[in-house]
Amino acid sequence: AVGLYGRAYQLINMPTDNLNSAVGEVAF
């Protein structure tokens, strides 16, 4: 269950993490 949920969650968070890292680090 953790494996299935975790991969879906990881895919969901990839765009968020990358955008927040790319723009957020510079913005801060």
mmCIF file of all heavy atoms, coordinates in Angstrom:
data_MODEL
# 
_entry.id   MODEL 
# 
loop_
_atom_site.group_PDB 
_atom_site.id 
_atom_site.type_symbol 
_atom_site.label_atom_id 
_atom_site.label_alt_id 
_atom_site.label_comp_id 
_atom_site.label_asym_id 
_atom_site.label_entity_id 
_atom_site.label_seq_id 
_atom_site.pdbx_PDB_ins_code 
_atom_site.Cartn_x 
_atom_site.Cartn_y 
_atom_site.Cartn_z 
_atom_site.occupancy 
_atom_site.B_iso_or_equiv 
_atom_site.pdbx_formal_charge 
_atom_site.auth_seq_id 
_atom_site.auth_comp_id 
_atom_site.auth_asym_id 
_atom_site.auth_atom_id 
_atom_site.pdbx_PDB_model_num 
ATOM 1   N N   . ALA A 1 1  ? 0.834  -1.207 0.000   1.00 0.00 ? 1  ALA A N   1 
ATOM 2   C CA  . ALA A 1 1  ? 0.000  0.000  0.000   1.00 0.00 ? 1  ALA A CA  1 
ATOM 3   C C   . ALA A 1 1  ? 0.867  1.256  0.000   1.00 0.00 ? 1  ALA A C   1 
ATOM 4   O O   . ALA A 1 1  ? 0.583  2.214  -0.728  1.00 0.00 ? 1  ALA A O   1 
ATOM 5   C CB  . ALA A 1 1  ? -0.934 0.005  1.208   1.00 0.00 ? 1  ALA A CB  1 
ATOM 6   N N   . VAL A 1 2  ? 1.932  1.245  0.804   1.00 0.00 ? 2  VAL A N   1 
ATOM 7   C CA  . VAL A 1 2  ? 2.838  2.396  0.833   1.00 0.00 ? 2  VAL A CA  1 
ATOM 8   C C   . VAL A 1 2  ? 3.535  2.552  -0.513  1.00 0.00 ? 2  VAL A C   1 
ATOM 9   O O   . VAL A 1 2  ? 3.734  3.672  -1.000  1.00 0.00 ? 2  VAL A O   1 
ATOM 10  C CB  . VAL A 1 2  ? 3.880  2.237  1.957   1.00 0.00 ? 2  VAL A CB  1 
ATOM 11  C CG1 . VAL A 1 2  ? 4.881  3.385  1.926   1.00 0.00 ? 2  VAL A CG1 1 
ATOM 12  C CG2 . VAL A 1 2  ? 3.202  2.189  3.306   1.00 0.00 ? 2  VAL A CG2 1 
ATOM 13  N N   . GLY A 1 3  ? 3.905  1.421  -1.132  1.00 0.00 ? 3  GLY A N   1 
ATOM 14  C CA  . GLY A 1 3  ? 4.560  1.489  -2.431  1.00 0.00 ? 3  GLY A CA  1 
ATOM 15  C C   . GLY A 1 3  ? 3.683  2.128  -3.489  1.00 0.00 ? 3  GLY A C   1 
ATOM 16  O O   . GLY A 1 3  ? 4.128  3.012  -4.229  1.00 0.00 ? 3  GLY A O   1 
ATOM 17  N N   . LEU A 1 4  ? 2.412  1.706  -3.569  1.00 0.00 ? 4  LEU A N   1 
ATOM 18  C CA  . LEU A 1 4  ? 1.489  2.268  -4.558  1.00 0.00 ? 4  LEU A CA  1 
ATOM 19  C C   . LEU A 1 4  ? 1.204  3.742  -4.270  1.00 0.00 ? 4  LEU A C   1 
ATOM 20  O O   . LEU A 1 4  ? 1.285  4.599  -5.160  1.00 0.00 ? 4  LEU A O   1 
ATOM 21  C CB  . LEU A 1 4  ? 0.183  1.468  -4.565  1.00 0.00 ? 4  LEU A CB  1 
ATOM 22  C CG  . LEU A 1 4  ? 0.259  0.045  -5.123  1.00 0.00 ? 4  LEU A CG  1 
ATOM 23  C CD1 . LEU A 1 4  ? -1.035 -0.710 -4.847  1.00 0.00 ? 4  LEU A CD1 1 
ATOM 24  C CD2 . LEU A 1 4  ? 0.545  0.073  -6.623  1.00 0.00 ? 4  LEU A CD2 1 
ATOM 25  N N   . TYR A 1 5  ? 0.853  4.037  -3.030  1.00 0.00 ? 5  TYR A N   1 
ATOM 26  C CA  . TYR A 1 5  ? 0.540  5.417  -2.654  1.00 0.00 ? 5  TYR A CA  1 
ATOM 27  C C   . TYR A 1 5  ? 1.780  6.299  -2.804  1.00 0.00 ? 5  TYR A C   1 
ATOM 28  O O   . TYR A 1 5  ? 1.702  7.433  -3.309  1.00 0.00 ? 5  TYR A O   1 
ATOM 29  C CB  . TYR A 1 5  ? 0.038  5.474  -1.217  1.00 0.00 ? 5  TYR A CB  1 
ATOM 30  C CG  . TYR A 1 5  ? -0.368 6.851  -0.756  1.00 0.00 ? 5  TYR A CG  1 
ATOM 31  C CD1 . TYR A 1 5  ? -1.676 7.293  -0.885  1.00 0.00 ? 5  TYR A CD1 1 
ATOM 32  C CD2 . TYR A 1 5  ? 0.567  7.724  -0.190  1.00 0.00 ? 5  TYR A CD2 1 
ATOM 33  C CE1 . TYR A 1 5  ? -2.060 8.551  -0.460  1.00 0.00 ? 5  TYR A CE1 1 
ATOM 34  C CE2 . TYR A 1 5  ? 0.202  8.994  0.223   1.00 0.00 ? 5  TYR A CE2 1 
ATOM 35  C CZ  . TYR A 1 5  ? -1.103 9.400  0.092   1.00 0.00 ? 5  TYR A CZ  1 
ATOM 36  O OH  . TYR A 1 5  ? -1.465 10.661 0.503   1.00 0.00 ? 5  TYR A OH  1 
ATOM 37  N N   . GLY A 1 6  ? 2.923  5.771  -2.388  1.00 0.00 ? 6  GLY A N   1 
ATOM 38  C CA  . GLY A 1 6  ? 4.156  6.564  -2.430  1.00 0.00 ? 6  GLY A CA  1 
ATOM 39  C C   . GLY A 1 6  ? 4.589  6.929  -3.833  1.00 0.00 ? 6  GLY A C   1 
ATOM 40  O O   . GLY A 1 6  ? 5.053  8.042  -4.081  1.00 0.00 ? 6  GLY A O   1 
ATOM 41  N N   . ARG A 1 7  ? 4.418  5.998  -4.808  1.00 0.00 ? 7  ARG A N   1 
ATOM 42  C CA  . ARG A 1 7  ? 4.809  6.340  -6.178  1.00 0.00 ? 7  ARG A CA  1 
ATOM 43  C C   . ARG A 1 7  ? 3.849  7.369  -6.762  1.00 0.00 ? 7  ARG A C   1 
ATOM 44  O O   . ARG A 1 7  ? 4.275  8.274  -7.489  1.00 0.00 ? 7  ARG A O   1 
ATOM 45  C CB  . ARG A 1 7  ? 4.811  5.089  -7.065  1.00 0.00 ? 7  ARG A CB  1 
ATOM 46  C CG  . ARG A 1 7  ? 5.929  4.101  -6.872  1.00 0.00 ? 7  ARG A CG  1 
ATOM 47  C CD  . ARG A 1 7  ? 7.233  4.704  -6.442  1.00 0.00 ? 7  ARG A CD  1 
ATOM 48  N NE  . ARG A 1 7  ? 7.343  4.644  -4.984  1.00 0.00 ? 7  ARG A NE  1 
ATOM 49  C CZ  . ARG A 1 7  ? 7.947  5.520  -4.215  1.00 0.00 ? 7  ARG A CZ  1 
ATOM 50  N NH1 . ARG A 1 7  ? 8.524  6.563  -4.749  1.00 0.00 ? 7  ARG A NH1 1 
ATOM 51  N NH2 . ARG A 1 7  ? 7.981  5.377  -2.906  1.00 0.00 ? 7  ARG A NH2 1 
ATOM 52  N N   . ALA A 1 8  ? 2.552  7.217  -6.490  1.00 0.00 ? 8  ALA A N   1 
ATOM 53  C CA  . ALA A 1 8  ? 1.595  8.221  -6.961  1.00 0.00 ? 8  ALA A CA  1 
ATOM 54  C C   . ALA A 1 8  ? 1.902  9.575  -6.332  1.00 0.00 ? 8  ALA A C   1 
ATOM 55  O O   . ALA A 1 8  ? 1.911  10.608 -7.019  1.00 0.00 ? 8  ALA A O   1 
ATOM 56  C CB  . ALA A 1 8  ? 0.171  7.783  -6.622  1.00 0.00 ? 8  ALA A CB  1 
ATOM 57  N N   . TYR A 1 9  ? 2.202  9.586  -5.049  1.00 0.00 ? 9  TYR A N   1 
ATOM 58  C CA  . TYR A 1 9  ? 2.514  10.822 -4.336  1.00 0.00 ? 9  TYR A CA  1 
ATOM 59  C C   . TYR A 1 9  ? 3.800  11.439 -4.868  1.00 0.00 ? 9  TYR A C   1 
ATOM 60  O O   . TYR A 1 9  ? 3.909  12.652 -5.039  1.00 0.00 ? 9  TYR A O   1 
ATOM 61  C CB  . TYR A 1 9  ? 2.648  10.519 -2.842  1.00 0.00 ? 9  TYR A CB  1 
ATOM 62  C CG  . TYR A 1 9  ? 2.795  11.733 -1.962  1.00 0.00 ? 9  TYR A CG  1 
ATOM 63  C CD1 . TYR A 1 9  ? 1.672  12.355 -1.421  1.00 0.00 ? 9  TYR A CD1 1 
ATOM 64  C CD2 . TYR A 1 9  ? 4.052  12.259 -1.654  1.00 0.00 ? 9  TYR A CD2 1 
ATOM 65  C CE1 . TYR A 1 9  ? 1.798  13.460 -0.600  1.00 0.00 ? 9  TYR A CE1 1 
ATOM 66  C CE2 . TYR A 1 9  ? 4.187  13.375 -0.843  1.00 0.00 ? 9  TYR A CE2 1 
ATOM 67  C CZ  . TYR A 1 9  ? 3.055  13.966 -0.313  1.00 0.00 ? 9  TYR A CZ  1 
ATOM 68  O OH  . TYR A 1 9  ? 3.186  15.070 0.487   1.00 0.00 ? 9  TYR A OH  1 
ATOM 69  N N   . GLN A 1 10 ? 4.799  10.591 -5.166  1.00 0.00 ? 10 GLN A N   1 
ATOM 70  C CA  . GLN A 1 10 ? 6.068  11.091 -5.701  1.00 0.00 ? 10 GLN A CA  1 
ATOM 71  C C   . GLN A 1 10 ? 5.864  11.751 -7.053  1.00 0.00 ? 10 GLN A C   1 
ATOM 72  O O   . GLN A 1 10 ? 6.406  12.828 -7.317  1.00 0.00 ? 10 GLN A O   1 
ATOM 73  C CB  . GLN A 1 10 ? 7.070  9.947  -5.826  1.00 0.00 ? 10 GLN A CB  1 
ATOM 74  C CG  . GLN A 1 10 ? 8.449  10.391 -6.321  1.00 0.00 ? 10 GLN A CG  1 
ATOM 75  C CD  . GLN A 1 10 ? 9.410  9.232  -6.482  1.00 0.00 ? 10 GLN A CD  1 
ATOM 76  O OE1 . GLN A 1 10 ? 9.024  8.065  -6.401  1.00 0.00 ? 10 GLN A OE1 1 
ATOM 77  N NE2 . GLN A 1 10 ? 10.680 9.546  -6.700  1.00 0.00 ? 10 GLN A NE2 1 
ATOM 78  N N   . LEU A 1 11 ? 5.087  11.120 -7.924  1.00 0.00 ? 11 LEU A N   1 
ATOM 79  C CA  . LEU A 1 11 ? 4.812  11.709 -9.231  1.00 0.00 ? 11 LEU A CA  1 
ATOM 80  C C   . LEU A 1 11 ? 4.051  13.027 -9.098  1.00 0.00 ? 11 LEU A C   1 
ATOM 81  O O   . LEU A 1 11 ? 4.305  13.979 -9.844  1.00 0.00 ? 11 LEU A O   1 
ATOM 82  C CB  . LEU A 1 11 ? 4.001  10.733 -10.090 1.00 0.00 ? 11 LEU A CB  1 
ATOM 83  C CG  . LEU A 1 11 ? 4.774  9.568  -10.716 1.00 0.00 ? 11 LEU A CG  1 
ATOM 84  C CD1 . LEU A 1 11 ? 3.803  8.596  -11.382 1.00 0.00 ? 11 LEU A CD1 1 
ATOM 85  C CD2 . LEU A 1 11 ? 5.796  10.068 -11.721 1.00 0.00 ? 11 LEU A CD2 1 
ATOM 86  N N   . ILE A 1 12 ? 3.122  13.074 -8.156  1.00 0.00 ? 12 ILE A N   1 
ATOM 87  C CA  . ILE A 1 12 ? 2.350  14.304 -7.928  1.00 0.00 ? 12 ILE A CA  1 
ATOM 88  C C   . ILE A 1 12 ? 3.266  15.435 -7.485  1.00 0.00 ? 12 ILE A C   1 
ATOM 89  O O   . ILE A 1 12 ? 3.116  16.590 -7.909  1.00 0.00 ? 12 ILE A O   1 
ATOM 90  C CB  . ILE A 1 12 ? 1.260  14.058 -6.864  1.00 0.00 ? 12 ILE A CB  1 
ATOM 91  C CG1 . ILE A 1 12 ? 0.105  13.241 -7.449  1.00 0.00 ? 12 ILE A CG1 1 
ATOM 92  C CG2 . ILE A 1 12 ? 0.742  15.371 -6.277  1.00 0.00 ? 12 ILE A CG2 1 
ATOM 93  C CD1 . ILE A 1 12 ? -0.736 13.955 -8.462  1.00 0.00 ? 12 ILE A CD1 1 
ATOM 94  N N   . ASN A 1 13 ? 4.236  15.108 -6.631  1.00 0.00 ? 13 ASN A N   1 
ATOM 95  C CA  . ASN A 1 13 ? 5.074  16.146 -6.040  1.00 0.00 ? 13 ASN A CA  1 
ATOM 96  C C   . ASN A 1 13 ? 6.279  16.532 -6.884  1.00 0.00 ? 13 ASN A C   1 
ATOM 97  O O   . ASN A 1 13 ? 6.917  17.551 -6.595  1.00 0.00 ? 13 ASN A O   1 
ATOM 98  C CB  . ASN A 1 13 ? 5.545  15.710 -4.643  1.00 0.00 ? 13 ASN A CB  1 
ATOM 99  C CG  . ASN A 1 13 ? 4.504  15.975 -3.589  1.00 0.00 ? 13 ASN A CG  1 
ATOM 100 O OD1 . ASN A 1 13 ? 4.443  17.053 -3.024  1.00 0.00 ? 13 ASN A OD1 1 
ATOM 101 N ND2 . ASN A 1 13 ? 3.648  14.988 -3.342  1.00 0.00 ? 13 ASN A ND2 1 
ATOM 102 N N   . MET A 1 14 ? 6.605  15.758 -7.898  1.00 0.00 ? 14 MET A N   1 
ATOM 103 C CA  . MET A 1 14 ? 7.748  16.112 -8.737  1.00 0.00 ? 14 MET A CA  1 
ATOM 104 C C   . MET A 1 14 ? 7.608  17.500 -9.360  1.00 0.00 ? 14 MET A C   1 
ATOM 105 O O   . MET A 1 14 ? 8.537  18.321 -9.278  1.00 0.00 ? 14 MET A O   1 
ATOM 106 C CB  . MET A 1 14 ? 7.948  15.053 -9.826  1.00 0.00 ? 14 MET A CB  1 
ATOM 107 C CG  . MET A 1 14 ? 8.787  13.886 -9.405  1.00 0.00 ? 14 MET A CG  1 
ATOM 108 S SD  . MET A 1 14 ? 9.151  12.823 -10.820 1.00 0.00 ? 14 MET A SD  1 
ATOM 109 C CE  . MET A 1 14 ? 10.087 11.538 -9.998  1.00 0.00 ? 14 MET A CE  1 
ATOM 110 N N   . PRO A 1 15 ? 6.481  17.823 -10.021 1.00 0.00 ? 15 PRO A N   1 
ATOM 111 C CA  . PRO A 1 15 ? 6.363  19.182 -10.581 1.00 0.00 ? 15 PRO A CA  1 
ATOM 112 C C   . PRO A 1 15 ? 6.424  20.263 -9.514  1.00 0.00 ? 15 PRO A C   1 
ATOM 113 O O   . PRO A 1 15 ? 7.081  21.294 -9.687  1.00 0.00 ? 15 PRO A O   1 
ATOM 114 C CB  . PRO A 1 15 ? 4.987  19.162 -11.273 1.00 0.00 ? 15 PRO A CB  1 
ATOM 115 C CG  . PRO A 1 15 ? 4.674  17.721 -11.481 1.00 0.00 ? 15 PRO A CG  1 
ATOM 116 C CD  . PRO A 1 15 ? 5.305  16.995 -10.348 1.00 0.00 ? 15 PRO A CD  1 
ATOM 117 N N   . THR A 1 16 ? 5.730  20.016 -8.384  1.00 0.00 ? 16 THR A N   1 
ATOM 118 C CA  . THR A 1 16 ? 5.715  21.000 -7.302  1.00 0.00 ? 16 THR A CA  1 
ATOM 119 C C   . THR A 1 16 ? 7.108  21.224 -6.738  1.00 0.00 ? 16 THR A C   1 
ATOM 120 O O   . THR A 1 16 ? 7.553  22.359 -6.558  1.00 0.00 ? 16 THR A O   1 
ATOM 121 C CB  . THR A 1 16 ? 4.770  20.541 -6.181  1.00 0.00 ? 16 THR A CB  1 
ATOM 122 O OG1 . THR A 1 16 ? 3.454  20.357 -6.712  1.00 0.00 ? 16 THR A OG1 1 
ATOM 123 C CG2 . THR A 1 16 ? 4.722  21.548 -5.054  1.00 0.00 ? 16 THR A CG2 1 
ATOM 124 N N   . ASP A 1 17 ? 7.812  20.130 -6.445  1.00 0.00 ? 17 ASP A N   1 
ATOM 125 C CA  . ASP A 1 17 ? 9.149  20.235 -5.868  1.00 0.00 ? 17 ASP A CA  1 
ATOM 126 C C   . ASP A 1 17 ? 10.113 20.943 -6.803  1.00 0.00 ? 17 ASP A C   1 
ATOM 127 O O   . ASP A 1 17 ? 10.913 21.785 -6.382  1.00 0.00 ? 17 ASP A O   1 
ATOM 128 C CB  . ASP A 1 17 ? 9.686  18.847 -5.526  1.00 0.00 ? 17 ASP A CB  1 
ATOM 129 C CG  . ASP A 1 17 ? 8.955  18.202 -4.361  1.00 0.00 ? 17 ASP A CG  1 
ATOM 130 O OD1 . ASP A 1 17 ? 8.235  18.930 -3.650  1.00 0.00 ? 17 ASP A OD1 1 
ATOM 131 O OD2 . ASP A 1 17 ? 9.096  16.983 -4.173  1.00 0.00 ? 17 ASP A OD2 1 
ATOM 132 N N   . ASN A 1 18 ? 10.063 20.587 -8.095  1.00 0.00 ? 18 ASN A N   1 
ATOM 133 C CA  . ASN A 1 18 ? 11.003 21.175 -9.045  1.00 0.00 ? 18 ASN A CA  1 
ATOM 134 C C   . ASN A 1 18 ? 10.724 22.653 -9.271  1.00 0.00 ? 18 ASN A C   1 
ATOM 135 O O   . ASN A 1 18 ? 11.649 23.463 -9.324  1.00 0.00 ? 18 ASN A O   1 
ATOM 136 C CB  . ASN A 1 18 ? 10.940 20.409 -10.368 1.00 0.00 ? 18 ASN A CB  1 
ATOM 137 C CG  . ASN A 1 18 ? 11.807 19.173 -10.361 1.00 0.00 ? 18 ASN A CG  1 
ATOM 138 O OD1 . ASN A 1 18 ? 12.971 19.199 -10.707 1.00 0.00 ? 18 ASN A OD1 1 
ATOM 139 N ND2 . ASN A 1 18 ? 11.230 18.065 -9.920  1.00 0.00 ? 18 ASN A ND2 1 
ATOM 140 N N   . LEU A 1 19 ? 9.450  23.017 -9.406  1.00 0.00 ? 19 LEU A N   1 
ATOM 141 C CA  . LEU A 1 19 ? 9.118  24.427 -9.605  1.00 0.00 ? 19 LEU A CA  1 
ATOM 142 C C   . LEU A 1 19 ? 9.452  25.248 -8.367  1.00 0.00 ? 19 LEU A C   1 
ATOM 143 O O   . LEU A 1 19 ? 9.995  26.349 -8.457  1.00 0.00 ? 19 LEU A O   1 
ATOM 144 C CB  . LEU A 1 19 ? 7.636  24.575 -9.951  1.00 0.00 ? 19 LEU A CB  1 
ATOM 145 C CG  . LEU A 1 19 ? 7.241  24.312 -11.403 1.00 0.00 ? 19 LEU A CG  1 
ATOM 146 C CD1 . LEU A 1 19 ? 5.725  24.344 -11.555 1.00 0.00 ? 19 LEU A CD1 1 
ATOM 147 C CD2 . LEU A 1 19 ? 7.887  25.326 -12.332 1.00 0.00 ? 19 LEU A CD2 1 
ATOM 148 N N   . ASN A 1 20 ? 9.120  24.702 -7.202  1.00 0.00 ? 20 ASN A N   1 
ATOM 149 C CA  . ASN A 1 20 ? 9.376  25.446 -5.977  1.00 0.00 ? 20 ASN A CA  1 
ATOM 150 C C   . ASN A 1 20 ? 10.879 25.603 -5.753  1.00 0.00 ? 20 ASN A C   1 
ATOM 151 O O   . ASN A 1 20 ? 11.344 26.637 -5.272  1.00 0.00 ? 20 ASN A O   1 
ATOM 152 C CB  . ASN A 1 20 ? 8.743  24.734 -4.779  1.00 0.00 ? 20 ASN A CB  1 
ATOM 153 C CG  . ASN A 1 20 ? 8.560  25.650 -3.586  1.00 0.00 ? 20 ASN A CG  1 
ATOM 154 O OD1 . ASN A 1 20 ? 7.984  26.723 -3.690  1.00 0.00 ? 20 ASN A OD1 1 
ATOM 155 N ND2 . ASN A 1 20 ? 9.062  25.229 -2.437  1.00 0.00 ? 20 ASN A ND2 1 
ATOM 156 N N   . SER A 1 21 ? 11.640 24.578 -6.129  1.00 0.00 ? 21 SER A N   1 
ATOM 157 C CA  . SER A 1 21 ? 13.090 24.665 -5.986  1.00 0.00 ? 21 SER A CA  1 
ATOM 158 C C   . SER A 1 21 ? 13.684 25.643 -6.993  1.00 0.00 ? 21 SER A C   1 
ATOM 159 O O   . SER A 1 21 ? 14.551 26.453 -6.659  1.00 0.00 ? 21 SER A O   1 
ATOM 160 C CB  . SER A 1 21 ? 13.719 23.282 -6.167  1.00 0.00 ? 21 SER A CB  1 
ATOM 161 O OG  . SER A 1 21 ? 15.114 23.347 -6.083  1.00 0.00 ? 21 SER A OG  1 
ATOM 162 N N   . ALA A 1 22 ? 13.177 25.561 -8.237  1.00 0.00 ? 22 ALA A N   1 
ATOM 163 C CA  . ALA A 1 22 ? 13.728 26.409 -9.303  1.00 0.00 ? 22 ALA A CA  1 
ATOM 164 C C   . ALA A 1 22 ? 13.425 27.872 -9.067  1.00 0.00 ? 22 ALA A C   1 
ATOM 165 O O   . ALA A 1 22 ? 14.301 28.729 -9.128  1.00 0.00 ? 22 ALA A O   1 
ATOM 166 C CB  . ALA A 1 22 ? 13.179 25.970 -10.656 1.00 0.00 ? 22 ALA A CB  1 
ATOM 167 N N   . VAL A 1 23 ? 12.159 28.180 -8.789  1.00 0.00 ? 23 VAL A N   1 
ATOM 168 C CA  . VAL A 1 23 ? 11.746 29.573 -8.629  1.00 0.00 ? 23 VAL A CA  1 
ATOM 169 C C   . VAL A 1 23 ? 11.929 30.035 -7.186  1.00 0.00 ? 23 VAL A C   1 
ATOM 170 O O   . VAL A 1 23 ? 12.351 31.159 -6.921  1.00 0.00 ? 23 VAL A O   1 
ATOM 171 C CB  . VAL A 1 23 ? 10.279 29.757 -9.067  1.00 0.00 ? 23 VAL A CB  1 
ATOM 172 C CG1 . VAL A 1 23 ? 9.851  31.210 -8.915  1.00 0.00 ? 23 VAL A CG1 1 
ATOM 173 C CG2 . VAL A 1 23 ? 10.089 29.288 -10.505 1.00 0.00 ? 23 VAL A CG2 1 
ATOM 174 N N   . GLY A 1 24 ? 11.629 29.147 -6.240  1.00 0.00 ? 24 GLY A N   1 
ATOM 175 C CA  . GLY A 1 24 ? 11.639 29.531 -4.836  1.00 0.00 ? 24 GLY A CA  1 
ATOM 176 C C   . GLY A 1 24 ? 12.999 29.918 -4.305  1.00 0.00 ? 24 GLY A C   1 
ATOM 177 O O   . GLY A 1 24 ? 13.131 30.886 -3.552  1.00 0.00 ? 24 GLY A O   1 
ATOM 178 N N   . GLU A 1 25 ? 14.041 29.184 -4.693  1.00 0.00 ? 25 GLU A N   1 
ATOM 179 C CA  . GLU A 1 25 ? 15.379 29.486 -4.200  1.00 0.00 ? 25 GLU A CA  1 
ATOM 180 C C   . GLU A 1 25 ? 15.829 30.864 -4.663  1.00 0.00 ? 25 GLU A C   1 
ATOM 181 O O   . GLU A 1 25 ? 16.404 31.642 -3.899  1.00 0.00 ? 25 GLU A O   1 
ATOM 182 C CB  . GLU A 1 25 ? 16.346 28.402 -4.693  1.00 0.00 ? 25 GLU A CB  1 
ATOM 183 C CG  . GLU A 1 25 ? 17.710 28.442 -4.031  1.00 0.00 ? 25 GLU A CG  1 
ATOM 184 C CD  . GLU A 1 25 ? 18.563 27.252 -4.421  1.00 0.00 ? 25 GLU A CD  1 
ATOM 185 O OE1 . GLU A 1 25 ? 18.350 26.166 -3.869  1.00 0.00 ? 25 GLU A OE1 1 
ATOM 186 O OE2 . GLU A 1 25 ? 19.438 27.419 -5.293  1.00 0.00 ? 25 GLU A OE2 1 
ATOM 187 N N   . VAL A 1 26 ? 15.563 31.160 -5.934  1.00 0.00 ? 26 VAL A N   1 
ATOM 188 C CA  . VAL A 1 26 ? 15.912 32.476 -6.471  1.00 0.00 ? 26 VAL A CA  1 
ATOM 189 C C   . VAL A 1 26 ? 15.052 33.553 -5.842  1.00 0.00 ? 26 VAL A C   1 
ATOM 190 O O   . VAL A 1 26 ? 15.529 34.624 -5.453  1.00 0.00 ? 26 VAL A O   1 
ATOM 191 C CB  . VAL A 1 26 ? 15.747 32.487 -8.008  1.00 0.00 ? 26 VAL A CB  1 
ATOM 192 C CG1 . VAL A 1 26 ? 16.069 33.866 -8.575  1.00 0.00 ? 26 VAL A CG1 1 
ATOM 193 C CG2 . VAL A 1 26 ? 16.643 31.437 -8.649  1.00 0.00 ? 26 VAL A CG2 1 
ATOM 194 N N   . ALA A 1 27 ? 13.734 33.265 -5.738  1.00 0.00 ? 27 ALA A N   1 
ATOM 195 C CA  . ALA A 1 27 ? 12.806 34.254 -5.197  1.00 0.00 ? 27 ALA A CA  1 
ATOM 196 C C   . ALA A 1 27 ? 13.141 34.606 -3.753  1.00 0.00 ? 27 ALA A C   1 
ATOM 197 O O   . ALA A 1 27 ? 13.129 35.790 -3.372  1.00 0.00 ? 27 ALA A O   1 
ATOM 198 C CB  . ALA A 1 27 ? 11.376 33.731 -5.298  1.00 0.00 ? 27 ALA A CB  1 
ATOM 199 N N   . PHE A 1 28 ? 13.446 33.607 -2.933  1.00 0.00 ? 28 PHE A N   1 
ATOM 200 C CA  . PHE A 1 28 ? 13.758 33.867 -1.530  1.00 0.00 ? 28 PHE A CA  1 
ATOM 201 C C   . PHE A 1 28 ? 14.996 34.749 -1.400  1.00 0.00 ? 28 PHE A C   1 
ATOM 202 O O   . PHE A 1 28 ? 15.018 35.710 -0.620  1.00 0.00 ? 28 PHE A O   1 
ATOM 203 C CB  . PHE A 1 28 ? 13.952 32.542 -0.789  1.00 0.00 ? 28 PHE A CB  1 
ATOM 204 C CG  . PHE A 1 28 ? 14.403 32.700 0.637   1.00 0.00 ? 28 PHE A CG  1 
ATOM 205 C CD1 . PHE A 1 28 ? 13.707 33.505 1.524   1.00 0.00 ? 28 PHE A CD1 1 
ATOM 206 C CD2 . PHE A 1 28 ? 15.538 32.049 1.093   1.00 0.00 ? 28 PHE A CD2 1 
ATOM 207 C CE1 . PHE A 1 28 ? 14.123 33.662 2.845   1.00 0.00 ? 28 PHE A CE1 1 
ATOM 208 C CE2 . PHE A 1 28 ? 15.966 32.191 2.403   1.00 0.00 ? 28 PHE A CE2 1 
ATOM 209 C CZ  . PHE A 1 28 ? 15.261 32.996 3.281   1.00 0.00 ? 28 PHE A CZ  1 
# 
